[in-house]
PDB file of N, CA and C in Angstrom:
ATOM      1  N   MET A   1      69.933  91.334  94.179  1.00  0.00           N
ATOM      2  CA  MET A   1      70.477  91.941  92.976  1.00  0.00           C
ATOM      3  C   MET A   1      71.986  91.720  92.948  1.00  0.00           C
ATOM      4  N   PHE A   2      72.511  91.303  91.811  1.00  0.00           N
ATOM      5  CA  PHE A   2      73.944  91.039  91.650  1.00  0.00           C
ATOM      6  C   PHE A   2      74.642  92.355  91.369  1.00  0.00           C
ATOM      7  N   ARG A   3      75.595  92.757  92.223  1.00  0.00           N
ATOM      8  CA  ARG A   3      76.211  94.083  92.110  1.00  0.00           C
ATOM      9  C   ARG A   3      77.674  94.088  91.736  1.00  0.00           C
ATOM     10  N   SER A   4      78.368  93.000  91.885  1.00  0.00           N
ATOM     11  CA  SER A   4      79.789  93.044  91.551  1.00  0.00           C
ATOM     12  C   SER A   4      80.221  91.768  90.868  1.00  0.00           C
ATOM     13  N   VAL A   5      81.280  91.899  90.139  1.00  0.00           N
ATOM     14  CA  VAL A   5      81.861  90.777  89.422  1.00  0.00           C
ATOM     15  C   VAL A   5      83.299  90.658  89.892  1.00  0.00           C
ATOM     16  N   SER A   6      83.735  89.470  90.245  1.00  0.00           N
ATOM     17  CA  SER A   6      85.120  89.278  90.660  1.00  0.00           C
ATOM     18  C   SER A   6      85.886  88.594  89.551  1.00  0.00           C
ATOM     19  N   LEU A   7      87.031  89.139  89.253  1.00  0.00           N
ATOM     20  CA  LEU A   7      87.968  88.560  88.313  1.00  0.00           C
ATOM     21  C   LEU A   7      89.291  88.433  89.034  1.00  0.00           C
ATOM     22  N   VAL A   8      90.079  87.482  88.660  1.00  0.00           N
ATOM     23  CA  VAL A   8      91.394  87.332  89.280  1.00  0.00           C
ATOM     24  C   VAL A   8      92.431  87.256  88.182  1.00  0.00           C
ATOM     25  N   PHE A   9      93.441  88.101  88.298  1.00  0.00           N
ATOM     26  CA  PHE A   9      94.586  88.056  87.405  1.00  0.00           C
ATOM     27  C   PHE A   9      95.723  87.409  88.160  1.00  0.00           C
ATOM     28  N   ALA A  10      96.336  86.414  87.583  1.00  0.00           N
ATOM     29  CA  ALA A  10      97.519  85.817  88.186  1.00  0.00           C
ATOM     30  C   ALA A  10      98.712  86.611  87.702  1.00  0.00           C
ATOM     31  N   LEU A  11      99.435  87.153  88.624  1.00  0.00           N
ATOM     32  CA  LEU A  11     100.605  87.954  88.286  1.00  0.00           C
ATOM     33  C   LEU A  11     101.836  87.081  88.379  1.00  0.00           C
ATOM     34  N   SER A  12     102.690  87.201  87.395  1.00  0.00           N
ATOM     35  CA  SER A  12     103.924  86.433  87.448  1.00  0.00           C
ATOM     36  C   SER A  12     105.093  87.369  87.248  1.00  0.00           C
ATOM     37  N   GLY A  13     106.170  87.078  87.933  1.00  0.00           N
ATOM     38  CA  GLY A  13     107.392  87.835  87.751  1.00  0.00           C
ATOM     39  C   GLY A  13     107.454  89.135  88.522  1.00  0.00           C
ATOM     40  N   CYS A  14     106.405  89.521  89.256  1.00  0.00           N
ATOM     41  CA  CYS A  14     106.507  90.778  89.995  1.00  0.00           C
ATOM     42  C   CYS A  14     106.408  90.541  91.490  1.00  0.00           C
ATOM     43  N   GLY A  15     106.404  89.288  91.918  1.00  0.00           N
ATOM     44  CA  GLY A  15     106.468  89.000  93.337  1.00  0.00           C
ATOM     45  C   GLY A  15     105.163  89.167  94.081  1.00  0.00           C
ATOM     46  N   ALA A  16     104.046  89.376  93.405  1.00  0.00           N
ATOM     47  CA  ALA A  16     102.781  89.561  94.095  1.00  0.00           C
ATOM     48  C   ALA A  16     101.841  88.417  93.770  1.00  0.00           C
ATOM     49  N   GLY A  17     100.874  88.209  94.641  1.00  0.00           N
ATOM     50  CA  GLY A  17      99.873  87.184  94.421  1.00  0.00           C
ATOM     51  C   GLY A  17      98.758  87.704  93.545  1.00  0.00           C
ATOM     52  N   ALA A  18      97.654  86.986  93.526  1.00  0.00           N
ATOM     53  CA  ALA A  18      96.514  87.364  92.708  1.00  0.00           C
ATOM     54  C   ALA A  18      95.858  88.621  93.265  1.00  0.00           C
ATOM     55  N   ILE A  19      95.337  89.426  92.383  1.00  0.00           N
ATOM     56  CA  ILE A  19      94.642  90.647  92.757  1.00  0.00           C
ATOM     57  C   ILE A  19      93.173  90.458  92.420  1.00  0.00           C
ATOM     58  N   SER A  20      92.299  90.701  93.375  1.00  0.00           N
ATOM     59  CA  SER A  20      90.870  90.596  93.136  1.00  0.00           C
ATOM     60  C   SER A  20      90.366  91.927  92.586  1.00  0.00           C
ATOM     61  N   LEU A  21      89.504  91.866  91.590  1.00  0.00           N
ATOM     62  CA  LEU A  21      88.931  93.072  90.998  1.00  0.00           C
ATOM     63  C   LEU A  21      87.458  93.142  91.338  1.00  0.00           C
ATOM     64  N   ASP A  22      86.927  94.354  91.438  1.00  0.00           N
ATOM     65  CA  ASP A  22      85.494  94.480  91.626  1.00  0.00           C
ATOM     66  C   ASP A  22      84.938  95.492  90.643  1.00  0.00           C
ATOM     67  N   SER A  23      83.619  95.506  90.513  1.00  0.00           N
ATOM     68  CA  SER A  23      83.004  96.409  89.547  1.00  0.00           C
ATOM     69  C   SER A  23      82.606  97.724  90.167  1.00  0.00           C
ATOM     70  N   GLY A  24      82.719  97.864  91.479  1.00  0.00           N
ATOM     71  CA  GLY A  24      82.437  99.151  92.086  1.00  0.00           C
ATOM     72  C   GLY A  24      81.573  99.059  93.320  1.00  0.00           C
ATOM     73  N   ASP A  25      81.238 100.245  93.847  1.00  0.00           N
ATOM     74  CA  ASP A  25      80.346 100.363  94.985  1.00  0.00           C
ATOM     75  C   ASP A  25      78.927 100.003  94.570  1.00  0.00           C
ATOM     76  N   ASP A  26      78.029 100.057  95.525  1.00  0.00           N
ATOM     77  CA  ASP A  26      76.626  99.751  95.259  1.00  0.00           C
ATOM     78  C   ASP A  26      76.050 100.611  94.140  1.00  0.00           C
ATOM     79  N   ASP A  27      76.564 101.837  93.981  1.00  0.00           N
ATOM     80  CA  ASP A  27      76.045 102.708  92.923  1.00  0.00           C
ATOM     81  C   ASP A  27      76.779 102.521  91.598  1.00  0.00           C
ATOM     82  N   GLY A  28      77.716 101.543  91.546  1.00  0.00           N
ATOM     83  CA  GLY A  28      78.447 101.257  90.314  1.00  0.00           C
ATOM     84  C   GLY A  28      79.712 102.070  90.129  1.00  0.00           C
ATOM     85  N   THR A  29      80.044 102.977  91.075  1.00  0.00           N
ATOM     86  CA  THR A  29      81.264 103.768  90.983  1.00  0.00           C
ATOM     87  C   THR A  29      82.472 102.847  91.134  1.00  0.00           C
ATOM     88  N   PRO A  30      83.393 102.831  90.154  1.00  0.00           N
ATOM     89  CA  PRO A  30      84.561 101.953  90.269  1.00  0.00           C
ATOM     90  C   PRO A  30      85.426 102.309  91.473  1.00  0.00           C
ATOM     91  N   THR A  31      85.825 101.309  92.228  1.00  0.00           N
ATOM     92  CA  THR A  31      86.703 101.494  93.374  1.00  0.00           C
ATOM     93  C   THR A  31      87.947 100.633  93.182  1.00  0.00           C
ATOM     94  N   CYS A  32      88.849 100.704  94.126  1.00  0.00           N
ATOM     95  CA  CYS A  32      90.092  99.950  93.992  1.00  0.00           C
ATOM     96  C   CYS A  32      89.965  98.509  94.440  1.00  0.00           C
ATOM     97  N   GLY A  33      89.026  98.197  95.284  1.00  0.00           N
ATOM     98  CA  GLY A  33      88.762  96.813  95.655  1.00  0.00           C
ATOM     99  C   GLY A  33      89.800  96.177  96.550  1.00  0.00           C
ATOM    100  N   ALA A  34      89.715  94.863  96.628  1.00  0.00           N
ATOM    101  CA  ALA A  34      90.519  94.079  97.555  1.00  0.00           C
ATOM    102  C   ALA A  34      92.005  94.101  97.230  1.00  0.00           C
ATOM    103  N   GLY A  35      92.406  94.512  96.056  1.00  0.00           N
ATOM    104  CA  GLY A  35      93.818  94.566  95.719  1.00  0.00           C
ATOM    105  C   GLY A  35      94.569  95.675  96.424  1.00  0.00           C
ATOM    106  N   LEU A  36      93.832  96.609  97.046  1.00  0.00           N
ATOM    107  CA  LEU A  36      94.459  97.740  97.732  1.00  0.00           C
ATOM    108  C   LEU A  36      94.182  97.699  99.228  1.00  0.00           C
ATOM    109  N   TRP A  37      92.920  97.623  99.612  1.00  0.00           N
ATOM    110  CA  TRP A  37      92.540  97.684 101.025  1.00  0.00           C
ATOM    111  C   TRP A  37      93.067  96.461 101.766  1.00  0.00           C
ATOM    112  N   GLY A  38      93.726  96.705 102.886  1.00  0.00           N
ATOM    113  CA  GLY A  38      94.296  95.625 103.683  1.00  0.00           C
ATOM    114  C   GLY A  38      95.673  95.176 103.234  1.00  0.00           C
ATOM    115  N   GLU A  39      96.247  95.857 102.271  1.00  0.00           N
ATOM    116  CA  GLU A  39      97.555  95.462 101.725  1.00  0.00           C
ATOM    117  C   GLU A  39      98.650  96.436 102.155  1.00  0.00           C
ATOM    118  N   THR A  40      99.883  95.936 102.130  1.00  0.00           N
ATOM    119  CA  THR A  40     101.074  96.740 102.425  1.00  0.00           C
ATOM    120  C   THR A  40     101.943  96.776 101.185  1.00  0.00           C
ATOM    121  N   PHE A  41     102.516  97.942 100.917  1.00  0.00           N
ATOM    122  CA  PHE A  41     103.381  98.155  99.758  1.00  0.00           C
ATOM    123  C   PHE A  41     104.716  98.709 100.237  1.00  0.00           C
ATOM    124  N   ARG A  42     105.787  98.364  99.505  1.00  0.00           N
ATOM    125  CA  ARG A  42     107.134  98.859  99.825  1.00  0.00           C
ATOM    126  C   ARG A  42     107.686  99.612  98.624  1.00  0.00           C
ATOM    127  N   SER A  43     108.460 100.677  98.903  1.00  0.00           N
ATOM    128  CA  SER A  43     109.043 101.450  97.808  1.00  0.00           C
ATOM    129  C   SER A  43     109.917 100.541  96.951  1.00  0.00           C
ATOM    130  N   LEU A  44     109.953 100.823  95.660  1.00  0.00           N
ATOM    131  CA  LEU A  44     110.744 100.010  94.740  1.00  0.00           C
ATOM    132  C   LEU A  44     112.237 100.173  94.977  1.00  0.00           C
ATOM    133  N   GLU A  45     112.622 101.324  95.447  1.00  0.00           N
ATOM    134  CA  GLU A  45     114.038 101.622  95.674  1.00  0.00           C
ATOM    135  C   GLU A  45     114.270 102.030  97.117  1.00  0.00           C
ATOM    136  N   ASP A  46     115.499 101.830  97.587  1.00  0.00           N
ATOM    137  CA  ASP A  46     115.871 102.318  98.909  1.00  0.00           C
ATOM    138  C   ASP A  46     115.787 103.839  98.920  1.00  0.00           C
ATOM    139  N   GLN A  47     115.308 104.357 100.026  1.00  0.00           N
ATOM    140  CA  GLN A  47     115.178 105.801 100.223  1.00  0.00           C
ATOM    141  C   GLN A  47     115.872 106.177 101.527  1.00  0.00           C
ATOM    142  N   GLU A  48     116.082 107.453 101.731  1.00  0.00           N
ATOM    143  CA  GLU A  48     116.713 107.949 102.951  1.00  0.00           C
ATOM    144  C   GLU A  48     115.751 107.768 104.121  1.00  0.00           C
ATOM    145  N   CYS A  49     116.253 107.155 105.202  1.00  0.00           N
ATOM    146  CA  CYS A  49     115.405 106.863 106.360  1.00  0.00           C
ATOM    147  C   CYS A  49     115.912 107.501 107.648  1.00  0.00           C
ATOM    148  N   GLY A  50     116.814 108.404 107.563  1.00  0.00           N
ATOM    149  CA  GLY A  50     117.354 109.047 108.751  1.00  0.00           C
ATOM    150  C   GLY A  50     118.866 109.072 108.688  1.00  0.00           C
ATOM    151  N   LEU A  51     119.437 109.538 109.769  1.00  0.00           N
ATOM    152  CA  LEU A  51     120.892 109.637 109.839  1.00  0.00           C
ATOM    153  C   LEU A  51     121.449 108.658 110.842  1.00  0.00           C
ATOM    154  N   GLY A  52     122.520 107.988 110.449  1.00  0.00           N
ATOM    155  CA  GLY A  52     123.264 107.111 111.342  1.00  0.00           C
ATOM    156  C   GLY A  52     124.591 107.759 111.673  1.00  0.00           C
ATOM    157  N   PRO A  53     125.460 107.075 112.375  1.00  0.00           N
ATOM    158  CA  PRO A  53     126.753 107.645 112.754  1.00  0.00           C
ATOM    159  C   PRO A  53     127.647 107.966 111.552  1.00  0.00           C
ATOM    160  N   ASP A  54     127.411 107.263 110.428  1.00  0.00           N
ATOM    161  CA  ASP A  54     128.223 107.495 109.237  1.00  0.00           C
ATOM    162  C   ASP A  54     127.471 108.244 108.138  1.00  0.00           C
ATOM    163  N   GLY A  55     126.346 108.863 108.485  1.00  0.00           N
ATOM    164  CA  GLY A  55     125.582 109.610 107.490  1.00  0.00           C
ATOM    165  C   GLY A  55     124.209 109.007 107.242  1.00  0.00           C
ATOM    166  N   PRO A  56     123.623 109.310 106.091  1.00  0.00           N
ATOM    167  CA  PRO A  56     122.264 108.834 105.797  1.00  0.00           C
ATOM    168  C   PRO A  56     122.164 107.303 105.780  1.00  0.00           C
ATOM    169  N   VAL A  57     121.055 106.804 106.299  1.00  0.00           N
ATOM    170  CA  VAL A  57     120.747 105.378 106.310  1.00  0.00           C
ATOM    171  C   VAL A  57     119.611 105.157 105.322  1.00  0.00           C
ATOM    172  N   LEU A  58     119.731 104.117 104.501  1.00  0.00           N
ATOM    173  CA  LEU A  58     118.719 103.832 103.489  1.00  0.00           C
ATOM    174  C   LEU A  58     117.832 102.665 103.906  1.00  0.00           C
ATOM    175  N   CYS A  59     116.573 102.720 103.472  1.00  0.00           N
ATOM    176  CA  CYS A  59     115.631 101.624 103.698  1.00  0.00           C
ATOM    177  C   CYS A  59     114.492 101.746 102.692  1.00  0.00           C
ATOM    178  N   ARG A  60     113.613 100.760 102.678  1.00  0.00           N
ATOM    179  CA  ARG A  60     112.417 100.818 101.831  1.00  0.00           C
ATOM    180  C   ARG A  60     111.301 101.475 102.634  1.00  0.00           C
ATOM    181  N   TRP A  61     110.664 102.462 102.050  1.00  0.00           N
ATOM    182  CA  TRP A  61     109.512 103.093 102.690  1.00  0.00           C
ATOM    183  C   TRP A  61     108.326 102.152 102.595  1.00  0.00           C
ATOM    184  N   THR A  62     107.389 102.230 103.532  1.00  0.00           N
ATOM    185  CA  THR A  62     106.211 101.369 103.499  1.00  0.00           C
ATOM    186  C   THR A  62     104.926 102.197 103.501  1.00  0.00           C
ATOM    187  N   LEU A  63     103.920 101.630 102.882  1.00  0.00           N
ATOM    188  CA  LEU A  63     102.613 102.259 102.754  1.00  0.00           C
ATOM    189  C   LEU A  63     101.572 101.158 102.910  1.00  0.00           C
ATOM    190  N   SER A  64     100.733 101.265 103.937  1.00  0.00           N
ATOM    191  CA  SER A  64      99.703 100.255 104.197  1.00  0.00           C
ATOM    192  C   SER A  64      98.331 100.909 104.124  1.00  0.00           C
ATOM    193  N   PHE A  65      97.368 100.155 103.586  1.00  0.00           N
ATOM    194  CA  PHE A  65      96.006 100.659 103.452  1.00  0.00           C
ATOM    195  C   PHE A  65      95.061  99.810 104.274  1.00  0.00           C
ATOM    196  N   GLY A  66      94.238 100.492 105.076  1.00  0.00           N
ATOM    197  CA  GLY A  66      93.178  99.827 105.828  1.00  0.00           C
ATOM    198  C   GLY A  66      91.856 100.136 105.152  1.00  0.00           C
ATOM    199  N   ASP A  67      90.801 100.178 105.919  1.00  0.00           N
ATOM    200  CA  ASP A  67      89.472 100.482 105.408  1.00  0.00           C
ATOM    201  C   ASP A  67      89.355 101.998 105.217  1.00  0.00           C
ATOM    202  N   GLU A  68      89.785 102.479 104.052  1.00  0.00           N
ATOM    203  CA  GLU A  68      89.832 103.900 103.699  1.00  0.00           C
ATOM    204  C   GLU A  68      90.734 104.706 104.632  1.00  0.00           C
ATOM    205  N   THR A  69      91.812 104.050 105.088  1.00  0.00           N
ATOM    206  CA  THR A  69      92.853 104.711 105.870  1.00  0.00           C
ATOM    207  C   THR A  69      94.202 104.305 105.295  1.00  0.00           C
ATOM    208  N   TYR A  70      95.228 105.061 105.637  1.00  0.00           N
ATOM    209  CA  TYR A  70      96.583 104.686 105.245  1.00  0.00           C
ATOM    210  C   TYR A  70      97.544 104.937 106.392  1.00  0.00           C
ATOM    211  N   ASP A  71      98.636 104.188 106.400  1.00  0.00           N
ATOM    212  CA  ASP A  71      99.782 104.395 107.282  1.00  0.00           C
ATOM    213  C   ASP A  71     100.996 104.431 106.378  1.00  0.00           C
ATOM    214  N   TRP A  72     101.776 105.497 106.471  1.00  0.00           N
ATOM    215  CA  TRP A  72     102.910 105.706 105.582  1.00  0.00           C
ATOM    216  C   TRP A  72     104.151 105.960 106.413  1.00  0.00           C
ATOM    217  N   SER A  73     105.170 105.128 106.245  1.00  0.00           N
ATOM    218  CA  SER A  73     106.460 105.331 106.905  1.00  0.00           C
ATOM    219  C   SER A  73     107.463 105.737 105.850  1.00  0.00           C
ATOM    220  N   TYR A  74     107.923 106.970 105.941  1.00  0.00           N
ATOM    221  CA  TYR A  74     108.881 107.491 104.973  1.00  0.00           C
ATOM    222  C   TYR A  74     109.918 108.306 105.730  1.00  0.00           C
ATOM    223  N   SER A  75     111.147 108.274 105.240  1.00  0.00           N
ATOM    224  CA  SER A  75     112.269 108.907 105.918  1.00  0.00           C
ATOM    225  C   SER A  75     112.240 108.443 107.376  1.00  0.00           C
ATOM    226  N   ASP A  76     112.261 109.363 108.322  1.00  0.00           N
ATOM    227  CA  ASP A  76     112.138 108.966 109.721  1.00  0.00           C
ATOM    228  C   ASP A  76     110.796 109.424 110.274  1.00  0.00           C
ATOM    229  N   VAL A  77     109.775 109.433 109.392  1.00  0.00           N
ATOM    230  CA  VAL A  77     108.435 109.917 109.722  1.00  0.00           C
ATOM    231  C   VAL A  77     107.423 108.787 109.588  1.00  0.00           C
ATOM    232  N   ALA A  78     106.472 108.732 110.512  1.00  0.00           N
ATOM    233  CA  ALA A  78     105.325 107.831 110.399  1.00  0.00           C
ATOM    234  C   ALA A  78     104.081 108.714 110.324  1.00  0.00           C
ATOM    235  N   GLU A  79     103.271 108.492 109.307  1.00  0.00           N
ATOM    236  CA  GLU A  79     102.094 109.328 109.069  1.00  0.00           C
ATOM    237  C   GLU A  79     100.885 108.436 108.834  1.00  0.00           C
ATOM    238  N   SER A  80      99.722 108.893 109.254  1.00  0.00           N
ATOM    239  CA  SER A  80      98.488 108.170 108.965  1.00  0.00           C
ATOM    240  C   SER A  80      97.418 109.172 108.572  1.00  0.00           C
ATOM    241  N   GLY A  81      96.373 108.667 107.937  1.00  0.00           N
ATOM    242  CA  GLY A  81      95.286 109.535 107.527  1.00  0.00           C
ATOM    243  C   GLY A  81      94.193 108.745 106.841  1.00  0.00           C
ATOM    244  N   THR A  82      93.305 109.468 106.191  1.00  0.00           N
ATOM    245  CA  THR A  82      92.205 108.842 105.462  1.00  0.00           C
ATOM    246  C   THR A  82      92.497 108.908 103.969  1.00  0.00           C
ATOM    247  N   VAL A  83      91.901 107.971 103.222  1.00  0.00           N
ATOM    248  CA  VAL A  83      92.128 107.922 101.775  1.00  0.00           C
ATOM    249  C   VAL A  83      90.893 107.333 101.103  1.00  0.00           C
ATOM    250  N   THR A  84      90.591 107.843  99.922  1.00  0.00           N
ATOM    251  CA  THR A  84      89.553 107.256  99.083  1.00  0.00           C
ATOM    252  C   THR A  84      90.193 106.874  97.761  1.00  0.00           C
ATOM    253  N   CYS A  85      89.534 105.971  97.065  1.00  0.00           N
ATOM    254  CA  CYS A  85      90.048 105.529  95.782  1.00  0.00           C
ATOM    255  C   CYS A  85      88.885 105.319  94.828  1.00  0.00           C
ATOM    256  N   VAL A  86      88.860 106.098  93.761  1.00  0.00           N
ATOM    257  CA  VAL A  86      87.851 105.977  92.714  1.00  0.00           C
ATOM    258  C   VAL A  86      88.579 105.973  91.380  1.00  0.00           C
ATOM    259  N   ASP A  87      88.223 105.023  90.525  1.00  0.00           N
ATOM    260  CA  ASP A  87      88.886 104.877  89.220  1.00  0.00           C
ATOM    261  C   ASP A  87      90.401 104.800  89.365  1.00  0.00           C
ATOM    262  N   ASN A  88      90.871 104.129  90.430  1.00  0.00           N
ATOM    263  CA  ASN A  88      92.290 103.913  90.720  1.00  0.00           C
ATOM    264  C   ASN A  88      93.058 105.182  91.076  1.00  0.00           C
ATOM    265  N   GLU A  89      92.354 106.280  91.315  1.00  0.00           N
ATOM    266  CA  GLU A  89      92.972 107.530  91.780  1.00  0.00           C
ATOM    267  C   GLU A  89      92.828 107.603  93.292  1.00  0.00           C
ATOM    268  N   LEU A  90      93.947 107.779  93.999  1.00  0.00           N
ATOM    269  CA  LEU A  90      93.965 107.874  95.454  1.00  0.00           C
ATOM    270  C   LEU A  90      93.995 109.342  95.871  1.00  0.00           C
ATOM    271  N   VAL A  91      93.112 109.698  96.795  1.00  0.00           N
ATOM    272  CA  VAL A  91      93.085 111.048  97.352  1.00  0.00           C
ATOM    273  C   VAL A  91      93.036 110.893  98.864  1.00  0.00           C
ATOM    274  N   GLY A  92      94.036 111.442  99.543  1.00  0.00           N
ATOM    275  CA  GLY A  92      94.123 111.277 100.985  1.00  0.00           C
ATOM    276  C   GLY A  92      94.335 112.582 101.714  1.00  0.00           C
ATOM    277  N   THR A  93      94.127 112.511 103.023  1.00  0.00           N
ATOM    278  CA  THR A  93      94.399 113.631 103.914  1.00  0.00           C
ATOM    279  C   THR A  93      95.072 113.072 105.155  1.00  0.00           C
ATOM    280  N   SER A  94      96.246 113.589 105.487  1.00  0.00           N
ATOM    281  CA  SER A  94      96.952 113.123 106.685  1.00  0.00           C
ATOM    282  C   SER A  94      96.198 113.600 107.927  1.00  0.00           C
ATOM    283  N   SER A  95      96.503 112.982 109.062  1.00  0.00           N
ATOM    284  CA  SER A  95      95.867 113.406 110.309  1.00  0.00           C
ATOM    285  C   SER A  95      96.214 114.852 110.645  1.00  0.00           C
ATOM    286  N   GLY A  96      97.298 115.361 110.086  1.00  0.00           N
ATOM    287  CA  GLY A  96      97.686 116.760 110.283  1.00  0.00           C
ATOM    288  C   GLY A  96      97.088 117.711 109.251  1.00  0.00           C
ATOM    289  N   GLY A  97      96.321 117.170 108.281  1.00  0.00           N
ATOM    290  CA  GLY A  97      95.638 117.999 107.296  1.00  0.00           C
ATOM    291  C   GLY A  97      96.328 118.130 105.946  1.00  0.00           C
ATOM    292  N   ALA A  98      97.464 117.482 105.750  1.00  0.00           N
ATOM    293  CA  ALA A  98      98.176 117.577 104.470  1.00  0.00           C
ATOM    294  C   ALA A  98      97.464 116.734 103.403  1.00  0.00           C
ATOM    295  N   ALA A  99      97.314 117.302 102.218  1.00  0.00           N
ATOM    296  CA  ALA A  99      96.705 116.579 101.101  1.00  0.00           C
ATOM    297  C   ALA A  99      97.704 115.573 100.536  1.00  0.00           C
ATOM    298  N   ARG A 100      97.228 114.389 100.213  1.00  0.00           N
ATOM    299  CA  ARG A 100      98.049 113.332  99.625  1.00  0.00           C
ATOM    300  C   ARG A 100      97.352 112.796  98.388  1.00  0.00           C
ATOM    301  N   GLN A 101      98.136 112.323  97.417  1.00  0.00           N
ATOM    302  CA  GLN A 101      97.536 111.772  96.213  1.00  0.00           C
ATOM    303  C   GLN A 101      98.399 110.675  95.618  1.00  0.00           C
ATOM    304  N   GLY A 102      97.763 109.849  94.814  1.00  0.00           N
ATOM    305  CA  GLY A 102      98.471 108.771  94.156  1.00  0.00           C
ATOM    306  C   GLY A 102      97.566 108.016  93.207  1.00  0.00           C
ATOM    307  N   THR A 103      98.080 106.909  92.721  1.00  0.00           N
ATOM    308  CA  THR A 103      97.307 106.032  91.846  1.00  0.00           C
ATOM    309  C   THR A 103      97.579 104.588  92.240  1.00  0.00           C
ATOM    310  N   PHE A 104      96.602 103.735  91.981  1.00  0.00           N
ATOM    311  CA  PHE A 104      96.742 102.305  92.188  1.00  0.00           C
ATOM    312  C   PHE A 104      96.747 101.652  90.823  1.00  0.00           C
ATOM    313  N   GLN A 105      97.838 100.960  90.495  1.00  0.00           N
ATOM    314  CA  GLN A 105      97.978 100.284  89.209  1.00  0.00           C
ATOM    315  C   GLN A 105      97.639  98.816  89.430  1.00  0.00           C
ATOM    316  N   ARG A 106      96.371  98.520  89.295  1.00  0.00           N
ATOM    317  CA  ARG A 106      95.825  97.208  89.629  1.00  0.00           C
ATOM    318  C   ARG A 106      96.539  96.032  88.953  1.00  0.00           C
ATOM    319  N   PRO A 107      96.772  96.043  87.638  1.00  0.00           N
ATOM    320  CA  PRO A 107      97.374  94.857  87.001  1.00  0.00           C
ATOM    321  C   PRO A 107      98.774  94.514  87.513  1.00  0.00           C
ATOM    322  N   THR A 108      99.536  95.508  87.963  1.00  0.00           N
ATOM    323  CA  THR A 108     100.899  95.253  88.433  1.00  0.00           C
ATOM    324  C   THR A 108     101.005  95.259  89.948  1.00  0.00           C
ATOM    325  N   ALA A 109      99.898  95.503  90.657  1.00  0.00           N
ATOM    326  CA  ALA A 109      99.886  95.579  92.124  1.00  0.00           C
ATOM    327  C   ALA A 109     100.879  96.620  92.625  1.00  0.00           C
ATOM    328  N   ARG A 110     100.880  97.770  91.957  1.00  0.00           N
ATOM    329  CA  ARG A 110     101.776  98.863  92.356  1.00  0.00           C
ATOM    330  C   ARG A 110     100.977 100.127  92.673  1.00  0.00           C
ATOM    331  N   VAL A 111     101.554 100.918  93.559  1.00  0.00           N
ATOM    332  CA  VAL A 111     100.975 102.199  93.954  1.00  0.00           C
ATOM    333  C   VAL A 111     101.993 103.283  93.666  1.00  0.00           C
ATOM    334  N   ARG A 112     101.537 104.371  93.125  1.00  0.00           N
ATOM    335  CA  ARG A 112     102.354 105.587  92.988  1.00  0.00           C
ATOM    336  C   ARG A 112     101.787 106.555  94.012  1.00  0.00           C
ATOM    337  N   TRP A 113     102.585 106.959  94.990  1.00  0.00           N
ATOM    338  CA  TRP A 113     102.113 107.773  96.112  1.00  0.00           C
ATOM    339  C   TRP A 113     103.107 108.893  96.360  1.00  0.00           C
ATOM    340  N   GLU A 114     102.661 110.122  96.212  1.00  0.00           N
ATOM    341  CA  GLU A 114     103.498 111.291  96.484  1.00  0.00           C
ATOM    342  C   GLU A 114     104.858 111.201  95.788  1.00  0.00           C
ATOM    343  N   GLY A 115     104.847 110.790  94.520  1.00  0.00           N
ATOM    344  CA  GLY A 115     106.060 110.798  93.713  1.00  0.00           C
ATOM    345  C   GLY A 115     106.933 109.559  93.799  1.00  0.00           C
ATOM    346  N   GLN A 116     106.565 108.594  94.638  1.00  0.00           N
ATOM    347  CA  GLN A 116     107.346 107.365  94.770  1.00  0.00           C
ATOM    348  C   GLN A 116     106.518 106.171  94.316  1.00  0.00           C
ATOM    349  N   SER A 117     107.183 105.162  93.762  1.00  0.00           N
ATOM    350  CA  SER A 117     106.518 103.933  93.344  1.00  0.00           C
ATOM    351  C   SER A 117     106.708 102.851  94.395  1.00  0.00           C
ATOM    352  N   TYR A 118     105.629 102.109  94.657  1.00  0.00           N
ATOM    353  CA  TYR A 118     105.601 101.049  95.661  1.00  0.00           C
ATOM    354  C   TYR A 118     105.056  99.778  95.028  1.00  0.00           C
ATOM    355  N   GLU A 119     105.605  98.631  95.447  1.00  0.00           N
ATOM    356  CA  GLU A 119     105.082  97.342  95.008  1.00  0.00           C
ATOM    357  C   GLU A 119     104.479  96.619  96.194  1.00  0.00           C
ATOM    358  N   GLN A 120     103.550  95.726  95.901  1.00  0.00           N
ATOM    359  CA  GLN A 120     102.893  94.986  96.967  1.00  0.00           C
ATOM    360  C   GLN A 120     103.923  94.146  97.719  1.00  0.00           C
ATOM    361  N   ALA A 121     103.901  94.233  99.039  1.00  0.00           N
ATOM    362  CA  ALA A 121     104.831  93.474  99.875  1.00  0.00           C
ATOM    363  C   ALA A 121     104.445  92.005  99.842  1.00  0.00           C
ATOM    364  N   THR A 122     105.436  91.140  99.772  1.00  0.00           N
ATOM    365  CA  THR A 122     105.174  89.707  99.713  1.00  0.00           C
ATOM    366  C   THR A 122     105.419  89.022 101.049  1.00  0.00           C
ATOM    367  N   GLU A 123     105.951  89.713 102.006  1.00  0.00           N
ATOM    368  CA  GLU A 123     106.231  89.101 103.299  1.00  0.00           C
ATOM    369  C   GLU A 123     105.471  89.752 104.395  1.00  0.00           C
TER     370      GLU A 123
END
């Protein structure tokens, strides 16, 4: 039985490669697909990453997704946990029990996670 359809959008001007789309899980529930799982995203803007000798140090925060897991480096914190994605809505729980949420914007290869915007890393 044929269960999924793959489409590829070529993205131009946003620094990301092609994003694969799928039609959902075996039961037809839409999921985020290959455009999210296994990918790393970086914050669009520099954020505070700790203190140096001259005050705050800025860097890009990173967010990586595995097989329904995430690793998030923000400020001077590294966090990991579990995450699900249905209809491009991300719902996660950190290993410490904190609730996390976001969205995956498939056409632009961007993630909105806990109030920050991230783009797909190209390197």
